Amino acid sequence: SGRTFGNYNMAWFRQAPGKEREFVAAITWGG
C-alpha cells in the first residue's frame, strides 16, 4: 500500500518450522 513503494528496497525471507527466519532474496528500489 502507499505511494512510496518505488522508494523501498524489498526482500523475501522465510521461516521453516523450528528454525530461525532466513534471507531468501532482495531487490533494490529500481530493480
Full PDB file with SEQRES, HELIX, SHEET, SSBOND, CRYST1, ORIGX, SCALE, CONECT and MASTER records, all heavy atoms in Angstrom:
SEQRES   1 A   31  SER GLY ARG THR PHE GLY ASN TYR ASN MET ALA TRP PHE          
SEQRES   2 A   31  ARG GLN ALA PRO GLY LYS GLU ARG GLU PHE VAL ALA ALA          
SEQRES   3 A   31  ILE THR TRP GLY GLY                                          
HELIX    1 AA1 PHE A    5  ASN A    7  5                                   3    
SHEET    1 AA1 2 MET A  10  ARG A  14  0                                        
SHEET    2 AA1 2 GLU A  22  ILE A  27 -1                                        
CRYST1    1.000    1.000    1.000  90.00  90.00  90.00 P 1           1          
ORIGX1      1.000000  0.000000  0.000000        0.00000                         
ORIGX2      0.000000  1.000000  0.000000        0.00000                         
ORIGX3      0.000000  0.000000  1.000000        0.00000                         
SCALE1      1.000000  0.000000  0.000000        0.00000                         
SCALE2      0.000000  1.000000  0.000000        0.00000                         
SCALE3      0.000000  0.000000  1.000000        0.00000                         
ATOM      1  N   SER A   1       0.838  -1.181   0.000  1.00  0.00           N  
ATOM      2  CA  SER A   1       0.000   0.000   0.000  1.00  0.00           C  
ATOM      3  C   SER A   1       0.880   1.240   0.000  1.00  0.00           C  
ATOM      4  O   SER A   1       2.085   1.156   0.247  1.00  0.00           O  
ATOM      5  CB  SER A   1      -0.904   0.014   1.227  1.00  0.00           C  
ATOM      6  OG  SER A   1      -0.108   0.148   2.387  1.00  0.00           O  
ATOM      7  N   GLY A   2       0.287   2.373  -0.275  1.00  0.00           N  
ATOM      8  CA  GLY A   2       1.052   3.616  -0.217  1.00  0.00           C  
ATOM      9  C   GLY A   2       1.665   3.977  -1.547  1.00  0.00           C  
ATOM     10  O   GLY A   2       1.767   3.157  -2.459  1.00  0.00           O  
ATOM     11  N   ARG A   3       2.107   5.219  -1.616  1.00  0.00           N  
ATOM     12  CA  ARG A   3       2.626   5.729  -2.883  1.00  0.00           C  
ATOM     13  C   ARG A   3       4.136   5.697  -2.964  1.00  0.00           C  
ATOM     14  O   ARG A   3       4.694   6.144  -3.955  1.00  0.00           O  
ATOM     15  CB  ARG A   3       2.153   7.167  -3.061  1.00  0.00           C  
ATOM     16  CG  ARG A   3       0.647   7.299  -3.172  1.00  0.00           C  
ATOM     17  CD  ARG A   3       0.246   8.769  -3.291  1.00  0.00           C  
ATOM     18  NE  ARG A   3       0.563   9.505  -2.084  1.00  0.00           N  
ATOM     19  CZ  ARG A   3       0.418  10.817  -1.965  1.00  0.00           C  
ATOM     20  NH1 ARG A   3       0.017  11.534  -2.999  1.00  0.00           N  
ATOM     21  NH2 ARG A   3       0.694  11.420  -0.835  1.00  0.00           N  
ATOM     22  N   THR A   4       4.799   5.178  -1.922  1.00  0.00           N  
ATOM     23  CA  THR A   4       6.245   5.257  -1.882  1.00  0.00           C  
ATOM     24  C   THR A   4       6.927   3.920  -2.096  1.00  0.00           C  
ATOM     25  O   THR A   4       8.115   3.791  -1.846  1.00  0.00           O  
ATOM     26  CB  THR A   4       6.708   5.843  -0.539  1.00  0.00           C  
ATOM     27  OG1 THR A   4       6.203   5.021   0.528  1.00  0.00           O  
ATOM     28  CG2 THR A   4       6.216   7.265  -0.376  1.00  0.00           C  
ATOM     29  N   PHE A   5       6.177   2.926  -2.590  1.00  0.00           N  
ATOM     30  CA  PHE A   5       6.763   1.595  -2.798  1.00  0.00           C  
ATOM     31  C   PHE A   5       8.003   1.682  -3.660  1.00  0.00           C  
ATOM     32  O   PHE A   5       8.986   0.987  -3.422  1.00  0.00           O  
ATOM     33  CB  PHE A   5       5.717   0.683  -3.439  1.00  0.00           C  
ATOM     34  CG  PHE A   5       6.248  -0.669  -3.814  1.00  0.00           C  
ATOM     35  CD1 PHE A   5       6.462  -1.628  -2.841  1.00  0.00           C  
ATOM     36  CD2 PHE A   5       6.520  -0.991  -5.139  1.00  0.00           C  
ATOM     37  CE1 PHE A   5       6.948  -2.892  -3.170  1.00  0.00           C  
ATOM     38  CE2 PHE A   5       6.997  -2.238  -5.485  1.00  0.00           C  
ATOM     39  CZ  PHE A   5       7.207  -3.196  -4.504  1.00  0.00           C  
ATOM     40  N   GLY A   6       7.983   2.521  -4.644  1.00  0.00           N  
ATOM     41  CA  GLY A   6       9.103   2.652  -5.556  1.00  0.00           C  
ATOM     42  C   GLY A   6      10.364   3.175  -4.916  1.00  0.00           C  
ATOM     43  O   GLY A   6      11.432   3.120  -5.519  1.00  0.00           O  
ATOM     44  N   ASN A   7      10.267   3.669  -3.694  1.00  0.00           N  
ATOM     45  CA  ASN A   7      11.434   4.165  -2.974  1.00  0.00           C  
ATOM     46  C   ASN A   7      12.014   3.138  -2.005  1.00  0.00           C  
ATOM     47  O   ASN A   7      12.984   3.442  -1.303  1.00  0.00           O  
ATOM     48  CB  ASN A   7      11.068   5.413  -2.166  1.00  0.00           C  
ATOM     49  CG  ASN A   7      10.656   6.571  -3.058  1.00  0.00           C  
ATOM     50  OD1 ASN A   7      11.056   6.645  -4.211  1.00  0.00           O  
ATOM     51  ND2 ASN A   7       9.843   7.462  -2.519  1.00  0.00           N  
ATOM     52  N   TYR A   8      11.415   1.958  -1.964  1.00  0.00           N  
ATOM     53  CA  TYR A   8      11.790   0.965  -0.961  1.00  0.00           C  
ATOM     54  C   TYR A   8      12.634  -0.158  -1.560  1.00  0.00           C  
ATOM     55  O   TYR A   8      12.276  -0.727  -2.591  1.00  0.00           O  
ATOM     56  CB  TYR A   8      10.541   0.355  -0.324  1.00  0.00           C  
ATOM     57  CG  TYR A   8       9.862   1.263   0.667  1.00  0.00           C  
ATOM     58  CD1 TYR A   8       9.162   2.390   0.245  1.00  0.00           C  
ATOM     59  CD2 TYR A   8       9.928   1.008   2.024  1.00  0.00           C  
ATOM     60  CE1 TYR A   8       8.565   3.233   1.153  1.00  0.00           C  
ATOM     61  CE2 TYR A   8       9.325   1.836   2.940  1.00  0.00           C  
ATOM     62  CZ  TYR A   8       8.639   2.952   2.504  1.00  0.00           C  
ATOM     63  OH  TYR A   8       8.050   3.776   3.407  1.00  0.00           O  
ATOM     64  N   ASN A   9      13.692  -0.487  -0.887  1.00  0.00           N  
ATOM     65  CA  ASN A   9      14.361  -1.757  -1.158  1.00  0.00           C  
ATOM     66  C   ASN A   9      13.509  -2.861  -0.539  1.00  0.00           C  
ATOM     67  O   ASN A   9      12.975  -2.693   0.556  1.00  0.00           O  
ATOM     68  CB  ASN A   9      15.753  -1.777  -0.530  1.00  0.00           C  
ATOM     69  CG  ASN A   9      16.714  -0.842  -1.251  1.00  0.00           C  
ATOM     70  OD1 ASN A   9      16.437  -0.355  -2.336  1.00  0.00           O  
ATOM     71  ND2 ASN A   9      17.854  -0.595  -0.638  1.00  0.00           N  
ATOM     72  N   MET A  10      13.391  -3.988  -1.242  1.00  0.00           N  
ATOM     73  CA  MET A  10      12.491  -5.045  -0.809  1.00  0.00           C  
ATOM     74  C   MET A  10      13.212  -6.381  -0.735  1.00  0.00           C  
ATOM     75  O   MET A  10      14.237  -6.586  -1.408  1.00  0.00           O  
ATOM     76  CB  MET A  10      11.315  -5.166  -1.779  1.00  0.00           C  
ATOM     77  CG  MET A  10      10.471  -3.909  -1.927  1.00  0.00           C  
ATOM     78  SD  MET A  10       9.599  -3.449  -0.419  1.00  0.00           S  
ATOM     79  CE  MET A  10       8.514  -4.863  -0.223  1.00  0.00           C  
ATOM     80  N   ALA A  11      12.633  -7.285   0.027  1.00  0.00           N  
ATOM     81  CA  ALA A  11      13.262  -8.599   0.181  1.00  0.00           C  
ATOM     82  C   ALA A  11      12.220  -9.656   0.519  1.00  0.00           C  
ATOM     83  O   ALA A  11      11.109  -9.341   0.948  1.00  0.00           O  
ATOM     84  CB  ALA A  11      14.321  -8.564   1.273  1.00  0.00           C  
ATOM     85  N   TRP A  12      12.624 -10.886   0.338  1.00  0.00           N  
ATOM     86  CA  TRP A  12      11.865 -12.057   0.785  1.00  0.00           C  
ATOM     87  C   TRP A  12      12.715 -12.801   1.823  1.00  0.00           C  
ATOM     88  O   TRP A  12      13.917 -13.018   1.609  1.00  0.00           O  
ATOM     89  CB  TRP A  12      11.551 -13.001  -0.365  1.00  0.00           C  
ATOM     90  CG  TRP A  12      10.531 -12.482  -1.318  1.00  0.00           C  
ATOM     91  CD1 TRP A  12      10.760 -11.854  -2.516  1.00  0.00           C  
ATOM     92  CD2 TRP A  12       9.110 -12.559  -1.181  1.00  0.00           C  
ATOM     93  NE1 TRP A  12       9.574 -11.525  -3.122  1.00  0.00           N  
ATOM     94  CE2 TRP A  12       8.536 -11.951  -2.322  1.00  0.00           C  
ATOM     95  CE3 TRP A  12       8.257 -13.092  -0.207  1.00  0.00           C  
ATOM     96  CZ2 TRP A  12       7.158 -11.857  -2.510  1.00  0.00           C  
ATOM     97  CZ3 TRP A  12       6.885 -12.994  -0.391  1.00  0.00           C  
ATOM     98  CH2 TRP A  12       6.349 -12.384  -1.533  1.00  0.00           C  
ATOM     99  N   PHE A  13      12.067 -13.169   2.902  1.00  0.00           N  
ATOM    100  CA  PHE A  13      12.647 -14.048   3.916  1.00  0.00           C  
ATOM    101  C   PHE A  13      11.716 -15.237   4.086  1.00  0.00           C  
ATOM    102  O   PHE A  13      10.571 -15.198   3.630  1.00  0.00           O  
ATOM    103  CB  PHE A  13      12.774 -13.307   5.268  1.00  0.00           C  
ATOM    104  CG  PHE A  13      13.876 -12.284   5.302  1.00  0.00           C  
ATOM    105  CD1 PHE A  13      13.737 -11.054   4.676  1.00  0.00           C  
ATOM    106  CD2 PHE A  13      15.059 -12.552   5.967  1.00  0.00           C  
ATOM    107  CE1 PHE A  13      14.758 -10.110   4.711  1.00  0.00           C  
ATOM    108  CE2 PHE A  13      16.090 -11.615   6.016  1.00  0.00           C  
ATOM    109  CZ  PHE A  13      15.926 -10.401   5.377  1.00  0.00           C  
ATOM    110  N   ARG A  14      12.205 -16.266   4.749  1.00  0.00           N  
ATOM    111  CA  ARG A  14      11.344 -17.411   5.030  1.00  0.00           C  
ATOM    112  C   ARG A  14      11.697 -18.004   6.389  1.00  0.00           C  
ATOM    113  O   ARG A  14      12.823 -17.850   6.867  1.00  0.00           O  
ATOM    114  CB  ARG A  14      11.468 -18.475   3.946  1.00  0.00           C  
ATOM    115  CG  ARG A  14      12.819 -19.173   3.889  1.00  0.00           C  
ATOM    116  CD  ARG A  14      12.880 -20.108   2.683  1.00  0.00           C  
ATOM    117  NE  ARG A  14      14.132 -20.853   2.653  1.00  0.00           N  
ATOM    118  CZ  ARG A  14      14.479 -21.655   1.650  1.00  0.00           C  
ATOM    119  NH1 ARG A  14      13.671 -21.817   0.600  1.00  0.00           N  
ATOM    120  NH2 ARG A  14      15.630 -22.311   1.703  1.00  0.00           N  
ATOM    121  N   GLN A  15      10.707 -18.673   6.961  1.00  0.00           N  
ATOM    122  CA  GLN A  15      10.916 -19.328   8.245  1.00  0.00           C  
ATOM    123  C   GLN A  15      10.286 -20.711   8.211  1.00  0.00           C  
ATOM    124  O   GLN A  15       9.074 -20.840   8.067  1.00  0.00           O  
ATOM    125  CB  GLN A  15      10.325 -18.512   9.392  1.00  0.00           C  
ATOM    126  CG  GLN A  15      10.665 -19.076  10.755  1.00  0.00           C  
ATOM    127  CD  GLN A  15      10.340 -18.101  11.869  1.00  0.00           C  
ATOM    128  OE1 GLN A  15       9.540 -17.184  11.718  1.00  0.00           O  
ATOM    129  NE2 GLN A  15      10.992 -18.283  13.009  1.00  0.00           N  
ATOM    130  N   ALA A  16      11.131 -21.709   8.320  1.00  0.00           N  
ATOM    131  CA  ALA A  16      10.678 -23.094   8.360  1.00  0.00           C  
ATOM    132  C   ALA A  16      10.337 -23.472   9.797  1.00  0.00           C  
ATOM    133  O   ALA A  16      10.832 -22.852  10.748  1.00  0.00           O  
ATOM    134  CB  ALA A  16      11.761 -24.005   7.809  1.00  0.00           C  
ATOM    135  N   PRO A  17       9.525 -24.487   9.983  1.00  0.00           N  
ATOM    136  CA  PRO A  17       9.154 -24.909  11.341  1.00  0.00           C  
ATOM    137  C   PRO A  17      10.383 -25.231  12.179  1.00  0.00           C  
ATOM    138  O   PRO A  17      11.263 -25.975  11.753  1.00  0.00           O  
ATOM    139  CB  PRO A  17       8.304 -26.157  11.099  1.00  0.00           C  
ATOM    140  CG  PRO A  17       7.759 -25.980   9.729  1.00  0.00           C  
ATOM    141  CD  PRO A  17       8.836 -25.277   8.952  1.00  0.00           C  
ATOM    142  N   GLY A  18      10.436 -24.640  13.360  1.00  0.00           N  
ATOM    143  CA  GLY A  18      11.534 -24.908  14.272  1.00  0.00           C  
ATOM    144  C   GLY A  18      12.839 -24.237  13.931  1.00  0.00           C  
ATOM    145  O   GLY A  18      13.858 -24.496  14.581  1.00  0.00           O  
ATOM    146  N   LYS A  19      12.832 -23.378  12.926  1.00  0.00           N  
ATOM    147  CA  LYS A  19      14.069 -22.709  12.505  1.00  0.00           C  
ATOM    148  C   LYS A  19      13.907 -21.201  12.564  1.00  0.00           C  
ATOM    149  O   LYS A  19      12.799 -20.678  12.592  1.00  0.00           O  
ATOM    150  CB  LYS A  19      14.464 -23.150  11.094  1.00  0.00           C  
ATOM    151  CG  LYS A  19      14.813 -24.616  10.974  1.00  0.00           C  
ATOM    152  CD  LYS A  19      15.341 -24.933   9.592  1.00  0.00           C  
ATOM    153  CE  LYS A  19      15.762 -26.387   9.474  1.00  0.00           C  
ATOM    154  NZ  LYS A  19      16.297 -26.706   8.119  1.00  0.00           N  
ATOM    155  N   GLU A  20      15.040 -20.509  12.544  1.00  0.00           N  
ATOM    156  CA  GLU A  20      15.006 -19.060  12.513  1.00  0.00           C  
ATOM    157  C   GLU A  20      14.658 -18.575  11.105  1.00  0.00           C  
ATOM    158  O   GLU A  20      14.873 -19.272  10.114  1.00  0.00           O  
ATOM    159  CB  GLU A  20      16.366 -18.498  12.938  1.00  0.00           C  
ATOM    160  CG  GLU A  20      16.712 -18.773  14.390  1.00  0.00           C  
ATOM    161  CD  GLU A  20      17.994 -18.094  14.810  1.00  0.00           C  
ATOM    162  OE1 GLU A  20      18.700 -17.543  13.940  1.00  0.00           O  
ATOM    163  OE2 GLU A  20      18.297 -18.111  16.019  1.00  0.00           O  
ATOM    164  N   ARG A  21      14.148 -17.363  11.067  1.00  0.00           N  
ATOM    165  CA  ARG A  21      13.848 -16.764   9.764  1.00  0.00           C  
ATOM    166  C   ARG A  21      15.155 -16.520   9.020  1.00  0.00           C  
ATOM    167  O   ARG A  21      16.158 -16.095   9.612  1.00  0.00           O  
ATOM    168  CB  ARG A  21      13.062 -15.474   9.966  1.00  0.00           C  
ATOM    169  CG  ARG A  21      12.491 -14.907   8.693  1.00  0.00           C  
ATOM    170  CD  ARG A  21      11.299 -14.008   8.943  1.00  0.00           C  
ATOM    171  NE  ARG A  21      11.553 -12.933   9.879  1.00  0.00           N  
ATOM    172  CZ  ARG A  21      10.620 -12.091  10.315  1.00  0.00           C  
ATOM    173  NH1 ARG A  21       9.371 -12.219   9.901  1.00  0.00           N  
ATOM    174  NH2 ARG A  21      10.931 -11.143  11.153  1.00  0.00           N  
ATOM    175  N   GLU A  22      15.129 -16.776   7.713  1.00  0.00           N  
ATOM    176  CA  GLU A  22      16.337 -16.629   6.921  1.00  0.00           C  
ATOM    177  C   GLU A  22      16.070 -15.845   5.640  1.00  0.00           C  
ATOM    178  O   GLU A  22      14.960 -15.825   5.109  1.00  0.00           O  
ATOM    179  CB  GLU A  22      16.909 -18.009   6.557  1.00  0.00           C  
ATOM    180  CG  GLU A  22      16.037 -18.846   5.668  1.00  0.00           C  
ATOM    181  CD  GLU A  22      16.689 -20.165   5.275  1.00  0.00           C  
ATOM    182  OE1 GLU A  22      17.747 -20.513   5.808  1.00  0.00           O  
ATOM    183  OE2 GLU A  22      16.111 -20.851   4.403  1.00  0.00           O  
ATOM    184  N   PHE A  23      17.113 -15.218   5.163  1.00  0.00           N  
ATOM    185  CA  PHE A  23      17.072 -14.426   3.941  1.00  0.00           C  
ATOM    186  C   PHE A  23      16.912 -15.323   2.728  1.00  0.00           C  
ATOM    187  O   PHE A  23      17.515 -16.401   2.661  1.00  0.00           O  
ATOM    188  CB  PHE A  23      18.361 -13.618   3.847  1.00  0.00           C  
ATOM    189  CG  PHE A  23      18.580 -12.921   2.541  1.00  0.00           C  
ATOM    190  CD1 PHE A  23      17.852 -11.778   2.220  1.00  0.00           C  
ATOM    191  CD2 PHE A  23      19.509 -13.391   1.630  1.00  0.00           C  
ATOM    192  CE1 PHE A  23      18.063 -11.120   1.014  1.00  0.00           C  
ATOM    193  CE2 PHE A  23      19.727 -12.739   0.432  1.00  0.00           C  
ATOM    194  CZ  PHE A  23      18.997 -11.608   0.127  1.00  0.00           C  
ATOM    195  N   VAL A  24      16.113 -14.857   1.761  1.00  0.00           N  
ATOM    196  CA  VAL A  24      15.940 -15.573   0.506  1.00  0.00           C  
ATOM    197  C   VAL A  24      16.469 -14.746  -0.663  1.00  0.00           C  
ATOM    198  O   VAL A  24      17.309 -15.211  -1.431  1.00  0.00           O  
ATOM    199  CB  VAL A  24      14.465 -15.933   0.266  1.00  0.00           C  
ATOM    200  CG1 VAL A  24      14.286 -16.602  -1.092  1.00  0.00           C  
ATOM    201  CG2 VAL A  24      13.931 -16.823   1.384  1.00  0.00           C  
ATOM    202  N   ALA A  25      15.953 -13.521  -0.807  1.00  0.00           N  
ATOM    203  CA  ALA A  25      16.337 -12.694  -1.942  1.00  0.00           C  
ATOM    204  C   ALA A  25      15.993 -11.246  -1.655  1.00  0.00           C  
ATOM    205  O   ALA A  25      15.114 -10.959  -0.831  1.00  0.00           O  
ATOM    206  CB  ALA A  25      15.632 -13.148  -3.212  1.00  0.00           C  
ATOM    207  N   ALA A  26      16.678 -10.323  -2.328  1.00  0.00           N  
ATOM    208  CA  ALA A  26      16.422  -8.898  -2.157  1.00  0.00           C  
ATOM    209  C   ALA A  26      16.568  -8.184  -3.489  1.00  0.00           C  
ATOM    210  O   ALA A  26      17.278  -8.650  -4.389  1.00  0.00           O  
ATOM    211  CB  ALA A  26      17.381  -8.302  -1.127  1.00  0.00           C  
ATOM    212  N   ILE A  27      15.911  -7.039  -3.578  1.00  0.00           N  
ATOM    213  CA  ILE A  27      15.973  -6.234  -4.794  1.00  0.00           C  
ATOM    214  C   ILE A  27      15.949  -4.768  -4.393  1.00  0.00           C  
ATOM    215  O   ILE A  27      15.225  -4.379  -3.467  1.00  0.00           O  
ATOM    216  CB  ILE A  27      14.798  -6.585  -5.737  1.00  0.00           C  
ATOM    217  CG1 ILE A  27      14.949  -5.899  -7.089  1.00  0.00           C  
ATOM    218  CG2 ILE A  27      13.454  -6.261  -5.099  1.00  0.00           C  
ATOM    219  CD1 ILE A  27      13.978  -6.437  -8.155  1.00  0.00           C  
ATOM    220  N   THR A  28      16.747  -3.958  -5.061  1.00  0.00           N  
ATOM    221  CA  THR A  28      16.783  -2.545  -4.742  1.00  0.00           C  
ATOM    222  C   THR A  28      15.573  -1.827  -5.322  1.00  0.00           C  
ATOM    223  O   THR A  28      14.820  -2.377  -6.134  1.00  0.00           O  
ATOM    224  CB  THR A  28      18.076  -1.907  -5.262  1.00  0.00           C  
ATOM    225  OG1 THR A  28      18.245  -2.265  -6.641  1.00  0.00           O  
ATOM    226  CG2 THR A  28      19.278  -2.389  -4.462  1.00  0.00           C  
ATOM    227  N   TRP A  29      15.426  -0.562  -4.934  1.00  0.00           N  
ATOM    228  CA  TRP A  29      14.209   0.166  -5.258  1.00  0.00           C  
ATOM    229  C   TRP A  29      13.920   0.207  -6.751  1.00  0.00           C  
ATOM    230  O   TRP A  29      12.777   0.142  -7.173  1.00  0.00           O  
ATOM    231  CB  TRP A  29      14.310   1.583  -4.689  1.00  0.00           C  
ATOM    232  CG  TRP A  29      15.412   2.390  -5.307  1.00  0.00           C  
ATOM    233  CD1 TRP A  29      16.730   2.403  -4.948  1.00  0.00           C  
ATOM    234  CD2 TRP A  29      15.298   3.281  -6.419  1.00  0.00           C  
ATOM    235  NE1 TRP A  29      17.440   3.233  -5.760  1.00  0.00           N  
ATOM    236  CE2 TRP A  29      16.596   3.802  -6.674  1.00  0.00           C  
ATOM    237  CE3 TRP A  29      14.237   3.700  -7.220  1.00  0.00           C  
ATOM    238  CZ2 TRP A  29      16.846   4.711  -7.689  1.00  0.00           C  
ATOM    239  CZ3 TRP A  29      14.479   4.606  -8.232  1.00  0.00           C  
ATOM    240  CH2 TRP A  29      15.781   5.094  -8.453  1.00  0.00           C  
ATOM    241  N   GLY A  30      14.951   0.316  -7.569  1.00  0.00           N  
ATOM    242  CA  GLY A  30      14.764   0.405  -9.009  1.00  0.00           C  
ATOM    243  C   GLY A  30      14.947  -0.918  -9.727  1.00  0.00           C  
ATOM    244  O   GLY A  30      14.822  -0.988 -10.964  1.00  0.00           O  
ATOM    245  N   GLY A  31      15.261  -1.952  -8.986  1.00  0.00           N  
ATOM    246  CA  GLY A  31      15.456  -3.267  -9.578  1.00  0.00           C  
ATOM    247  C   GLY A  31      16.841  -3.480 -10.163  1.00  0.00           C  
ATOM    248  O   GLY A  31      17.103  -4.515 -10.783  1.00  0.00           O  
TER     249      GLY A  31                                                      
MASTER        0    0    0    1    2    0    0    6  248    1    0    3          
END                                                                             
